[in-house]
Amino acid sequence: MQRKDLIRTVLVALFTALIIAGTFIRIPLPPVPITLQTLFVLLSGMLLPLPLSLFSVLLYLVLGAIGLPVFSSGGGLAALTGPTAGFLFGWIPAVIVCGLMGMKRFDNRKLQIAYLILTGLLANVALYTPGLSWLGISRHLTLSRTLAAGLIPFIPGDAVKVIVAALVSTELREKVDFLLKNED
C-alpha cells in the first residue's frame, strides 16, 4: 500500500471510528437520542476532501447495516427503517454540504469560522430534512409533534456542535491539508 493510500485509509477509519464513538456519548430521548455523532460528521465534512468524508459516513452506515451495534438503537437493517433512519441517511447530504462548502479557505480567521458556522447550519438543514420527514412518516406524527420530538430539543446542542466543529476544523485543517498534500 502506498503512503498516499495509507493516509487516506487512516483518515476514513478515524472519522468512521469517531462517528461510532459519538453514538455512545448520548442523552437518551425518545424517539431520537441526542448524540455526538453529528459533531463528527460535520468535522469529517469540514476537514476531509468530499470523497473521504462521504466514504466515512457510508462506511459507518454499512457497518451498522451488517449488524454491528454502531447505531444508537443497535445495529442491523431494522435500525435503517426505524424512527431515526432519516437522520442516519441525512448525514449523507449533510457531509456533502460540508464537503462542497467546507473546502473554501479564508485568510481571515474570524471570517473562516463564520463561514464554517454557516456551512454547519446548512448541513444541519440537509440532515434534518430527511430526518424529520422520516420521523413524522414512520411514527404517524403531525408536523408539530414531529418538530417537538425531532427538532426542538436538539437546537441548542446542534448549535454548540456547529460552533465546535467550526472552531476545531479551523485549527486542524492546515494539519490535515499538510497530510493530504504530502502523501507521496
N, C-alpha and C. Protein backbone atom coordinates (compact mmCIF):
# COMPACT_ATOMS: atom_id res chain seq x y z
N MET A 1 0.85 -1.17 0.00
CA MET A 1 0.00 0.00 0.00
C MET A 1 0.90 1.24 0.00
N GLN A 2 0.60 2.15 -0.89
CA GLN A 2 1.36 3.39 -0.96
C GLN A 2 1.02 4.28 0.23
N ARG A 3 1.95 5.18 0.54
CA ARG A 3 1.74 6.10 1.66
C ARG A 3 0.46 6.90 1.47
N LYS A 4 0.21 7.34 0.24
CA LYS A 4 -0.99 8.12 -0.07
C LYS A 4 -2.26 7.35 0.32
N ASP A 5 -2.32 6.09 -0.08
CA ASP A 5 -3.49 5.27 0.23
C ASP A 5 -3.60 5.01 1.73
N LEU A 6 -2.47 4.83 2.38
CA LEU A 6 -2.47 4.58 3.82
C LEU A 6 -3.02 5.80 4.58
N ILE A 7 -2.58 6.99 4.22
CA ILE A 7 -3.05 8.20 4.88
C ILE A 7 -4.56 8.35 4.69
N ARG A 8 -5.03 8.15 3.48
CA ARG A 8 -6.46 8.27 3.20
C ARG A 8 -7.27 7.22 3.97
N THR A 9 -6.76 6.00 4.00
CA THR A 9 -7.44 4.91 4.72
C THR A 9 -7.51 5.21 6.22
N VAL A 10 -6.42 5.69 6.77
CA VAL A 10 -6.39 6.02 8.20
C VAL A 10 -7.38 7.15 8.51
N LEU A 11 -7.45 8.17 7.66
CA LEU A 11 -8.37 9.28 7.90
C LEU A 11 -9.84 8.81 7.82
N VAL A 12 -10.15 7.99 6.84
CA VAL A 12 -11.51 7.46 6.73
C VAL A 12 -11.84 6.61 7.96
N ALA A 13 -10.92 5.74 8.34
CA ALA A 13 -11.14 4.88 9.51
C ALA A 13 -11.27 5.71 10.79
N LEU A 14 -10.45 6.75 10.91
CA LEU A 14 -10.51 7.61 12.09
C LEU A 14 -11.87 8.28 12.22
N PHE A 15 -12.36 8.87 11.13
CA PHE A 15 -13.64 9.56 11.23
C PHE A 15 -14.81 8.59 11.35
N THR A 16 -14.71 7.43 10.76
CA THR A 16 -15.74 6.41 10.97
C THR A 16 -15.77 6.00 12.44
N ALA A 17 -14.59 5.81 13.02
CA ALA A 17 -14.49 5.45 14.44
C ALA A 17 -15.02 6.57 15.34
N LEU A 18 -14.75 7.82 14.97
CA LEU A 18 -15.27 8.94 15.77
C LEU A 18 -16.79 8.99 15.72
N ILE A 19 -17.37 8.75 14.53
CA ILE A 19 -18.84 8.72 14.42
C ILE A 19 -19.40 7.60 15.29
N ILE A 20 -18.74 6.46 15.27
CA ILE A 20 -19.18 5.33 16.11
C ILE A 20 -19.06 5.71 17.59
N ALA A 21 -17.94 6.30 17.98
CA ALA A 21 -17.77 6.71 19.39
C ALA A 21 -18.85 7.71 19.79
N GLY A 22 -19.21 8.59 18.87
CA GLY A 22 -20.25 9.57 19.14
C GLY A 22 -21.60 8.96 19.44
N THR A 23 -21.82 7.73 18.97
CA THR A 23 -23.06 7.01 19.25
C THR A 23 -23.22 6.77 20.75
N PHE A 24 -22.12 6.50 21.40
CA PHE A 24 -22.16 6.08 22.79
C PHE A 24 -22.08 7.24 23.78
N ILE A 25 -21.90 8.45 23.26
CA ILE A 25 -21.95 9.64 24.09
C ILE A 25 -23.31 10.27 23.82
N ARG A 26 -24.30 9.92 24.65
CA ARG A 26 -25.67 10.31 24.31
C ARG A 26 -26.53 10.59 25.53
N ILE A 27 -27.58 11.34 25.22
CA ILE A 27 -28.66 11.58 26.18
C ILE A 27 -29.88 10.90 25.57
N PRO A 28 -30.38 9.86 26.22
CA PRO A 28 -31.48 9.10 25.62
C PRO A 28 -32.83 9.81 25.70
N LEU A 29 -33.26 10.37 24.58
CA LEU A 29 -34.60 10.95 24.46
C LEU A 29 -35.38 10.11 23.46
N PRO A 30 -36.60 9.74 23.78
CA PRO A 30 -37.39 9.03 22.79
C PRO A 30 -38.03 10.00 21.81
N PRO A 31 -38.19 9.72 20.58
CA PRO A 31 -37.68 8.55 19.87
C PRO A 31 -36.28 8.75 19.29
N VAL A 32 -35.70 9.96 19.44
CA VAL A 32 -34.39 10.26 18.86
C VAL A 32 -33.45 10.72 19.97
N PRO A 33 -32.39 9.96 20.26
CA PRO A 33 -31.47 10.38 21.32
C PRO A 33 -30.54 11.51 20.84
N ILE A 34 -30.04 12.27 21.78
CA ILE A 34 -29.02 13.28 21.48
C ILE A 34 -27.67 12.58 21.56
N THR A 35 -26.89 12.65 20.49
CA THR A 35 -25.56 12.04 20.47
C THR A 35 -24.53 13.04 19.94
N LEU A 36 -23.27 12.64 19.98
CA LEU A 36 -22.21 13.47 19.41
C LEU A 36 -21.87 13.07 17.97
N GLN A 37 -22.62 12.16 17.40
CA GLN A 37 -22.32 11.70 16.05
C GLN A 37 -22.31 12.85 15.04
N THR A 38 -23.29 13.73 15.14
CA THR A 38 -23.37 14.82 14.17
C THR A 38 -22.13 15.71 14.22
N LEU A 39 -21.57 15.91 15.41
CA LEU A 39 -20.33 16.68 15.51
C LEU A 39 -19.24 16.07 14.65
N PHE A 40 -19.11 14.75 14.72
CA PHE A 40 -18.04 14.09 13.97
C PHE A 40 -18.34 14.02 12.48
N VAL A 41 -19.61 13.96 12.12
CA VAL A 41 -19.99 14.03 10.70
C VAL A 41 -19.61 15.41 10.16
N LEU A 42 -19.93 16.46 10.91
CA LEU A 42 -19.58 17.82 10.49
C LEU A 42 -18.07 17.99 10.38
N LEU A 43 -17.33 17.51 11.36
CA LEU A 43 -15.88 17.61 11.32
C LEU A 43 -15.30 16.86 10.12
N SER A 44 -15.84 15.69 9.86
CA SER A 44 -15.39 14.92 8.70
C SER A 44 -15.57 15.73 7.42
N GLY A 45 -16.76 16.31 7.26
CA GLY A 45 -17.03 17.08 6.06
C GLY A 45 -16.22 18.35 5.96
N MET A 46 -15.91 18.97 7.09
CA MET A 46 -15.15 20.22 7.07
C MET A 46 -13.66 20.01 6.93
N LEU A 47 -13.17 18.84 7.33
CA LEU A 47 -11.72 18.60 7.31
C LEU A 47 -11.22 17.76 6.14
N LEU A 48 -12.04 16.82 5.70
CA LEU A 48 -11.58 15.89 4.67
C LEU A 48 -12.11 16.27 3.30
N PRO A 49 -11.40 15.87 2.26
CA PRO A 49 -11.99 16.03 0.92
C PRO A 49 -13.30 15.25 0.85
N LEU A 50 -14.22 15.73 0.03
CA LEU A 50 -15.56 15.15 -0.03
C LEU A 50 -15.57 13.63 -0.21
N PRO A 51 -14.78 13.06 -1.11
CA PRO A 51 -14.84 11.59 -1.24
C PRO A 51 -14.49 10.86 0.05
N LEU A 52 -13.53 11.38 0.80
CA LEU A 52 -13.13 10.71 2.04
C LEU A 52 -14.18 10.88 3.14
N SER A 53 -14.73 12.09 3.28
CA SER A 53 -15.75 12.30 4.31
C SER A 53 -17.01 11.51 3.98
N LEU A 54 -17.39 11.49 2.72
CA LEU A 54 -18.56 10.72 2.31
C LEU A 54 -18.34 9.23 2.56
N PHE A 55 -17.14 8.75 2.26
CA PHE A 55 -16.84 7.33 2.49
C PHE A 55 -16.88 7.01 3.99
N SER A 56 -16.45 7.93 4.84
CA SER A 56 -16.51 7.71 6.29
C SER A 56 -17.95 7.48 6.75
N VAL A 57 -18.85 8.33 6.27
CA VAL A 57 -20.27 8.20 6.65
C VAL A 57 -20.86 6.92 6.06
N LEU A 58 -20.58 6.65 4.79
CA LEU A 58 -21.12 5.43 4.16
C LEU A 58 -20.59 4.18 4.84
N LEU A 59 -19.32 4.17 5.20
CA LEU A 59 -18.76 3.02 5.90
C LEU A 59 -19.46 2.81 7.24
N TYR A 60 -19.72 3.89 7.96
CA TYR A 60 -20.47 3.80 9.22
C TYR A 60 -21.84 3.16 8.98
N LEU A 61 -22.55 3.63 7.96
CA LEU A 61 -23.88 3.09 7.67
C LEU A 61 -23.82 1.61 7.28
N VAL A 62 -22.82 1.24 6.51
CA VAL A 62 -22.67 -0.17 6.11
C VAL A 62 -22.36 -1.04 7.33
N LEU A 63 -21.47 -0.56 8.20
CA LEU A 63 -21.15 -1.34 9.41
C LEU A 63 -22.39 -1.56 10.26
N GLY A 64 -23.22 -0.54 10.38
CA GLY A 64 -24.47 -0.70 11.13
C GLY A 64 -25.45 -1.61 10.41
N ALA A 65 -25.53 -1.50 9.08
CA ALA A 65 -26.46 -2.31 8.31
C ALA A 65 -26.14 -3.80 8.39
N ILE A 66 -24.85 -4.13 8.48
CA ILE A 66 -24.49 -5.56 8.55
C ILE A 66 -24.62 -6.13 9.96
N GLY A 67 -25.03 -5.27 10.90
CA GLY A 67 -25.34 -5.79 12.23
C GLY A 67 -24.45 -5.35 13.36
N LEU A 68 -23.37 -4.63 13.07
CA LEU A 68 -22.54 -4.15 14.17
C LEU A 68 -23.33 -3.11 14.96
N PRO A 69 -23.24 -3.14 16.28
CA PRO A 69 -24.07 -2.24 17.11
C PRO A 69 -23.53 -0.81 17.17
N VAL A 70 -23.49 -0.15 16.02
CA VAL A 70 -22.93 1.20 15.95
C VAL A 70 -24.00 2.29 15.94
N PHE A 71 -25.26 1.91 15.78
CA PHE A 71 -26.35 2.88 15.80
C PHE A 71 -26.83 3.05 17.24
N SER A 72 -27.48 4.15 17.53
CA SER A 72 -27.98 4.37 18.88
C SER A 72 -29.01 3.32 19.27
N SER A 73 -29.65 2.70 18.26
CA SER A 73 -30.63 1.65 18.53
C SER A 73 -30.04 0.26 18.33
N GLY A 74 -28.73 0.15 18.19
CA GLY A 74 -28.08 -1.14 17.97
C GLY A 74 -27.51 -1.22 16.57
N GLY A 75 -27.82 -2.29 15.88
CA GLY A 75 -27.33 -2.47 14.52
C GLY A 75 -28.30 -3.31 13.73
N GLY A 76 -28.06 -3.41 12.46
CA GLY A 76 -28.90 -4.21 11.59
C GLY A 76 -29.81 -3.37 10.73
N LEU A 77 -30.41 -4.03 9.77
CA LEU A 77 -31.27 -3.34 8.82
C LEU A 77 -32.50 -2.71 9.47
N ALA A 78 -32.97 -3.29 10.57
CA ALA A 78 -34.15 -2.73 11.24
C ALA A 78 -33.91 -1.29 11.69
N ALA A 79 -32.68 -0.99 12.09
CA ALA A 79 -32.36 0.37 12.52
C ALA A 79 -32.44 1.35 11.35
N LEU A 80 -32.25 0.84 10.14
CA LEU A 80 -32.30 1.70 8.96
C LEU A 80 -33.72 1.92 8.45
N THR A 81 -34.69 1.40 9.19
CA THR A 81 -36.10 1.68 8.87
C THR A 81 -36.84 2.23 10.08
N GLY A 82 -36.15 2.33 11.22
CA GLY A 82 -36.77 2.84 12.45
C GLY A 82 -36.91 4.35 12.41
N PRO A 83 -37.37 4.95 13.50
CA PRO A 83 -37.65 6.38 13.51
C PRO A 83 -36.41 7.27 13.29
N THR A 84 -35.22 6.76 13.59
CA THR A 84 -34.01 7.57 13.40
C THR A 84 -33.36 7.37 12.03
N ALA A 85 -33.92 6.51 11.19
CA ALA A 85 -33.31 6.19 9.90
C ALA A 85 -33.11 7.43 9.03
N GLY A 86 -34.07 8.33 9.02
CA GLY A 86 -33.95 9.54 8.20
C GLY A 86 -32.77 10.40 8.62
N PHE A 87 -32.49 10.41 9.93
CA PHE A 87 -31.33 11.17 10.41
C PHE A 87 -30.03 10.48 10.00
N LEU A 88 -30.01 9.14 10.09
CA LEU A 88 -28.82 8.41 9.66
C LEU A 88 -28.53 8.68 8.18
N PHE A 89 -29.55 8.56 7.35
CA PHE A 89 -29.36 8.81 5.92
C PHE A 89 -29.16 10.30 5.65
N GLY A 90 -29.64 11.16 6.55
CA GLY A 90 -29.45 12.60 6.41
C GLY A 90 -28.01 13.04 6.55
N TRP A 91 -27.18 12.17 7.12
CA TRP A 91 -25.76 12.51 7.21
C TRP A 91 -25.10 12.53 5.84
N ILE A 92 -25.67 11.83 4.89
CA ILE A 92 -25.09 11.82 3.54
C ILE A 92 -25.19 13.22 2.92
N PRO A 93 -26.39 13.82 2.81
CA PRO A 93 -26.41 15.18 2.26
C PRO A 93 -25.71 16.19 3.17
N ALA A 94 -25.72 15.96 4.48
CA ALA A 94 -25.03 16.88 5.39
C ALA A 94 -23.53 16.91 5.12
N VAL A 95 -22.94 15.74 4.96
CA VAL A 95 -21.49 15.68 4.72
C VAL A 95 -21.17 16.20 3.32
N ILE A 96 -22.09 16.04 2.38
CA ILE A 96 -21.88 16.59 1.04
C ILE A 96 -21.89 18.12 1.11
N VAL A 97 -22.83 18.70 1.84
CA VAL A 97 -22.86 20.16 2.01
C VAL A 97 -21.55 20.64 2.63
N CYS A 98 -21.12 19.97 3.70
CA CYS A 98 -19.86 20.36 4.35
C CYS A 98 -18.68 20.20 3.40
N GLY A 99 -18.67 19.11 2.66
CA GLY A 99 -17.57 18.86 1.76
C GLY A 99 -17.49 19.86 0.62
N LEU A 100 -18.64 20.24 0.10
CA LEU A 100 -18.66 21.20 -1.01
C LEU A 100 -18.34 22.61 -0.53
N MET A 101 -18.89 22.99 0.60
CA MET A 101 -18.69 24.35 1.11
C MET A 101 -17.43 24.47 1.97
N GLY A 102 -17.11 23.42 2.70
CA GLY A 102 -16.06 23.49 3.71
C GLY A 102 -14.65 23.58 3.19
N MET A 103 -14.44 23.36 1.92
CA MET A 103 -13.09 23.42 1.38
C MET A 103 -12.65 24.86 1.07
N LYS A 104 -13.59 25.79 1.09
CA LYS A 104 -13.24 27.20 0.83
C LYS A 104 -12.36 27.70 1.97
N ARG A 105 -11.33 28.41 1.61
CA ARG A 105 -10.38 28.92 2.61
C ARG A 105 -10.40 30.45 2.63
N PHE A 106 -10.32 31.01 3.83
CA PHE A 106 -10.22 32.45 4.02
C PHE A 106 -8.96 32.73 4.83
N ASP A 107 -8.27 33.81 4.50
CA ASP A 107 -7.08 34.20 5.26
C ASP A 107 -7.47 34.76 6.63
N ASN A 108 -8.63 35.36 6.71
CA ASN A 108 -9.12 35.94 7.95
C ASN A 108 -9.74 34.83 8.80
N ARG A 109 -9.18 34.59 9.98
CA ARG A 109 -9.64 33.51 10.86
C ARG A 109 -11.11 33.67 11.26
N LYS A 110 -11.53 34.89 11.61
CA LYS A 110 -12.91 35.11 12.03
C LYS A 110 -13.87 34.86 10.87
N LEU A 111 -13.48 35.28 9.69
CA LEU A 111 -14.31 35.04 8.51
C LEU A 111 -14.39 33.54 8.22
N GLN A 112 -13.27 32.83 8.40
CA GLN A 112 -13.25 31.38 8.18
C GLN A 112 -14.20 30.68 9.16
N ILE A 113 -14.15 31.06 10.41
CA ILE A 113 -15.02 30.45 11.42
C ILE A 113 -16.49 30.76 11.10
N ALA A 114 -16.78 32.01 10.76
CA ALA A 114 -18.16 32.38 10.43
C ALA A 114 -18.66 31.59 9.23
N TYR A 115 -17.81 31.43 8.22
CA TYR A 115 -18.20 30.67 7.04
C TYR A 115 -18.46 29.20 7.39
N LEU A 116 -17.62 28.64 8.23
CA LEU A 116 -17.82 27.24 8.63
C LEU A 116 -19.05 27.07 9.51
N ILE A 117 -19.38 28.07 10.31
CA ILE A 117 -20.63 28.01 11.08
C ILE A 117 -21.81 28.01 10.12
N LEU A 118 -21.78 28.87 9.11
CA LEU A 118 -22.83 28.87 8.09
C LEU A 118 -22.90 27.51 7.40
N THR A 119 -21.75 26.95 7.07
CA THR A 119 -21.69 25.63 6.45
C THR A 119 -22.35 24.59 7.34
N GLY A 120 -22.02 24.61 8.64
CA GLY A 120 -22.61 23.66 9.57
C GLY A 120 -24.12 23.82 9.71
N LEU A 121 -24.58 25.05 9.70
CA LEU A 121 -26.03 25.29 9.78
C LEU A 121 -26.74 24.74 8.54
N LEU A 122 -26.17 24.99 7.36
CA LEU A 122 -26.77 24.46 6.13
C LEU A 122 -26.70 22.93 6.10
N ALA A 123 -25.62 22.36 6.63
CA ALA A 123 -25.52 20.91 6.72
C ALA A 123 -26.61 20.34 7.63
N ASN A 124 -26.92 21.06 8.70
CA ASN A 124 -28.00 20.62 9.59
C ASN A 124 -29.35 20.67 8.90
N VAL A 125 -29.57 21.66 8.06
CA VAL A 125 -30.81 21.70 7.27
C VAL A 125 -30.87 20.47 6.37
N ALA A 126 -29.74 20.14 5.74
CA ALA A 126 -29.68 18.96 4.87
C ALA A 126 -29.90 17.67 5.66
N LEU A 127 -29.48 17.64 6.90
CA LEU A 127 -29.66 16.48 7.78
C LEU A 127 -31.11 16.39 8.27
N TYR A 128 -31.66 17.50 8.71
CA TYR A 128 -32.99 17.48 9.30
C TYR A 128 -34.11 17.28 8.28
N THR A 129 -33.88 17.62 7.03
CA THR A 129 -34.93 17.45 6.04
C THR A 129 -35.36 15.99 5.92
N PRO A 130 -34.46 15.05 5.62
CA PRO A 130 -34.90 13.65 5.59
C PRO A 130 -35.18 13.10 6.99
N GLY A 131 -34.43 13.59 7.99
CA GLY A 131 -34.62 13.09 9.35
C GLY A 131 -36.02 13.35 9.88
N LEU A 132 -36.46 14.59 9.78
CA LEU A 132 -37.80 14.93 10.27
C LEU A 132 -38.89 14.33 9.40
N SER A 133 -38.65 14.31 8.09
CA SER A 133 -39.65 13.72 7.19
C SER A 133 -39.90 12.26 7.55
N TRP A 134 -38.83 11.50 7.70
CA TRP A 134 -38.99 10.08 8.00
C TRP A 134 -39.54 9.87 9.41
N LEU A 135 -39.10 10.66 10.37
CA LEU A 135 -39.62 10.54 11.73
C LEU A 135 -41.13 10.73 11.73
N GLY A 136 -41.60 11.77 11.08
CA GLY A 136 -43.04 12.03 11.02
C GLY A 136 -43.81 10.93 10.32
N ILE A 137 -43.28 10.46 9.19
CA ILE A 137 -43.95 9.39 8.43
C ILE A 137 -43.96 8.08 9.21
N SER A 138 -42.80 7.70 9.74
CA SER A 138 -42.68 6.39 10.40
C SER A 138 -43.47 6.31 11.70
N ARG A 139 -43.63 7.44 12.38
CA ARG A 139 -44.36 7.46 13.65
C ARG A 139 -45.77 8.03 13.53
N HIS A 140 -46.17 8.35 12.30
CA HIS A 140 -47.50 8.92 12.04
C HIS A 140 -47.76 10.15 12.90
N LEU A 141 -46.80 11.08 12.88
CA LEU A 141 -46.88 12.28 13.71
C LEU A 141 -47.34 13.48 12.89
N THR A 142 -48.01 14.39 13.55
CA THR A 142 -48.33 15.66 12.92
C THR A 142 -47.04 16.46 12.80
N LEU A 143 -47.07 17.52 12.03
CA LEU A 143 -45.89 18.36 11.88
C LEU A 143 -45.43 18.92 13.23
N SER A 144 -46.36 19.40 14.03
CA SER A 144 -45.96 19.98 15.31
C SER A 144 -45.36 18.92 16.24
N ARG A 145 -45.90 17.72 16.23
CA ARG A 145 -45.33 16.65 17.07
C ARG A 145 -43.97 16.19 16.53
N THR A 146 -43.84 16.18 15.21
CA THR A 146 -42.55 15.82 14.61
C THR A 146 -41.48 16.81 15.03
N LEU A 147 -41.79 18.09 14.94
CA LEU A 147 -40.83 19.13 15.33
C LEU A 147 -40.52 19.05 16.83
N ALA A 148 -41.54 18.77 17.64
CA ALA A 148 -41.34 18.67 19.09
C ALA A 148 -40.47 17.47 19.45
N ALA A 149 -40.60 16.38 18.71
CA ALA A 149 -39.83 15.17 19.01
C ALA A 149 -38.46 15.15 18.35
N GLY A 150 -38.36 15.75 17.17
CA GLY A 150 -37.12 15.56 16.39
C GLY A 150 -36.31 16.80 16.10
N LEU A 151 -36.80 17.98 16.50
CA LEU A 151 -36.04 19.19 16.21
C LEU A 151 -35.83 20.07 17.44
N ILE A 152 -36.89 20.47 18.08
CA ILE A 152 -36.82 21.46 19.15
C ILE A 152 -35.81 21.08 20.25
N PRO A 153 -35.82 19.84 20.75
CA PRO A 153 -34.86 19.53 21.83
C PRO A 153 -33.41 19.54 21.38
N PHE A 154 -33.18 19.50 20.07
CA PHE A 154 -31.83 19.36 19.54
C PHE A 154 -31.19 20.68 19.13
N ILE A 155 -31.96 21.74 19.06
CA ILE A 155 -31.43 23.02 18.57
C ILE A 155 -30.25 23.53 19.40
N PRO A 156 -30.35 23.59 20.74
CA PRO A 156 -29.18 24.10 21.50
C PRO A 156 -27.92 23.25 21.30
N GLY A 157 -28.07 21.94 21.38
CA GLY A 157 -26.91 21.06 21.22
C GLY A 157 -26.33 21.12 19.82
N ASP A 158 -27.19 21.20 18.82
CA ASP A 158 -26.70 21.31 17.45
C ASP A 158 -25.99 22.62 17.21
N ALA A 159 -26.47 23.68 17.82
CA ALA A 159 -25.78 24.97 17.70
C ALA A 159 -24.37 24.87 18.28
N VAL A 160 -24.25 24.23 19.44
CA VAL A 160 -22.93 24.04 20.05
C VAL A 160 -22.06 23.16 19.16
N LYS A 161 -22.61 22.08 18.61
CA LYS A 161 -21.84 21.19 17.74
C LYS A 161 -21.33 21.93 16.51
N VAL A 162 -22.15 22.78 15.92
CA VAL A 162 -21.75 23.54 14.74
C VAL A 162 -20.59 24.47 15.09
N ILE A 163 -20.69 25.16 16.21
CA ILE A 163 -19.62 26.08 16.63
C ILE A 163 -18.34 25.32 16.93
N VAL A 164 -18.45 24.22 17.66
CA VAL A 164 -17.26 23.41 17.98
C VAL A 164 -16.63 22.87 16.70
N ALA A 165 -17.44 22.36 15.78
CA ALA A 165 -16.91 21.84 14.52
C ALA A 165 -16.18 22.94 13.75
N ALA A 166 -16.74 24.14 13.72
CA ALA A 166 -16.10 25.26 13.00
C ALA A 166 -14.77 25.63 13.66
N LEU A 167 -14.75 25.69 14.97
CA LEU A 167 -13.51 26.06 15.68
C LEU A 167 -12.44 24.98 15.54
N VAL A 168 -12.83 23.72 15.76
CA VAL A 168 -11.86 22.62 15.69
C VAL A 168 -11.34 22.47 14.26
N SER A 169 -12.21 22.54 13.28
CA SER A 169 -11.74 22.36 11.90
C SER A 169 -10.85 23.52 11.47
N THR A 170 -11.12 24.72 11.96
CA THR A 170 -10.24 25.85 11.66
C THR A 170 -8.84 25.60 12.20
N GLU A 171 -8.77 25.01 13.39
CA GLU A 171 -7.47 24.71 13.99
C GLU A 171 -6.75 23.54 13.32
N LEU A 172 -7.49 22.55 12.87
CA LEU A 172 -6.87 21.32 12.36
C LEU A 172 -6.70 21.25 10.85
N ARG A 173 -7.39 22.11 10.11
CA ARG A 173 -7.40 21.93 8.66
C ARG A 173 -6.03 22.07 8.02
N GLU A 174 -5.16 22.94 8.52
CA GLU A 174 -3.82 23.03 7.94
C GLU A 174 -3.05 21.73 8.13
N LYS A 175 -3.23 21.11 9.28
CA LYS A 175 -2.54 19.85 9.55
C LYS A 175 -3.05 18.73 8.65
N VAL A 176 -4.38 18.67 8.48
CA VAL A 176 -4.96 17.65 7.60
C VAL A 176 -4.57 17.93 6.15
N ASP A 177 -4.62 19.19 5.74
CA ASP A 177 -4.19 19.56 4.39
C ASP A 177 -2.74 19.16 4.16
N PHE A 178 -1.89 19.41 5.15
CA PHE A 178 -0.48 19.04 5.03
C PHE A 178 -0.33 17.53 4.83
N LEU A 179 -1.07 16.76 5.62
CA LEU A 179 -1.01 15.30 5.47
C LEU A 179 -1.43 14.87 4.06
N LEU A 180 -2.50 15.45 3.57
CA LEU A 180 -3.03 15.05 2.27
C LEU A 180 -2.18 15.57 1.11
N LYS A 181 -1.51 16.69 1.28
CA LYS A 181 -0.67 17.23 0.21
C LYS A 181 0.68 16.55 0.15
N ASN A 182 1.11 15.97 1.25
CA ASN A 182 2.41 15.31 1.31
C ASN A 182 2.26 13.81 1.38
N GLU A 183 1.34 13.30 0.56
CA GLU A 183 1.04 11.87 0.61
C GLU A 183 2.08 11.02 -0.12
N ASP A 184 2.82 11.62 -1.01
CA ASP A 184 3.74 10.80 -1.83
C ASP A 184 5.05 10.55 -1.14
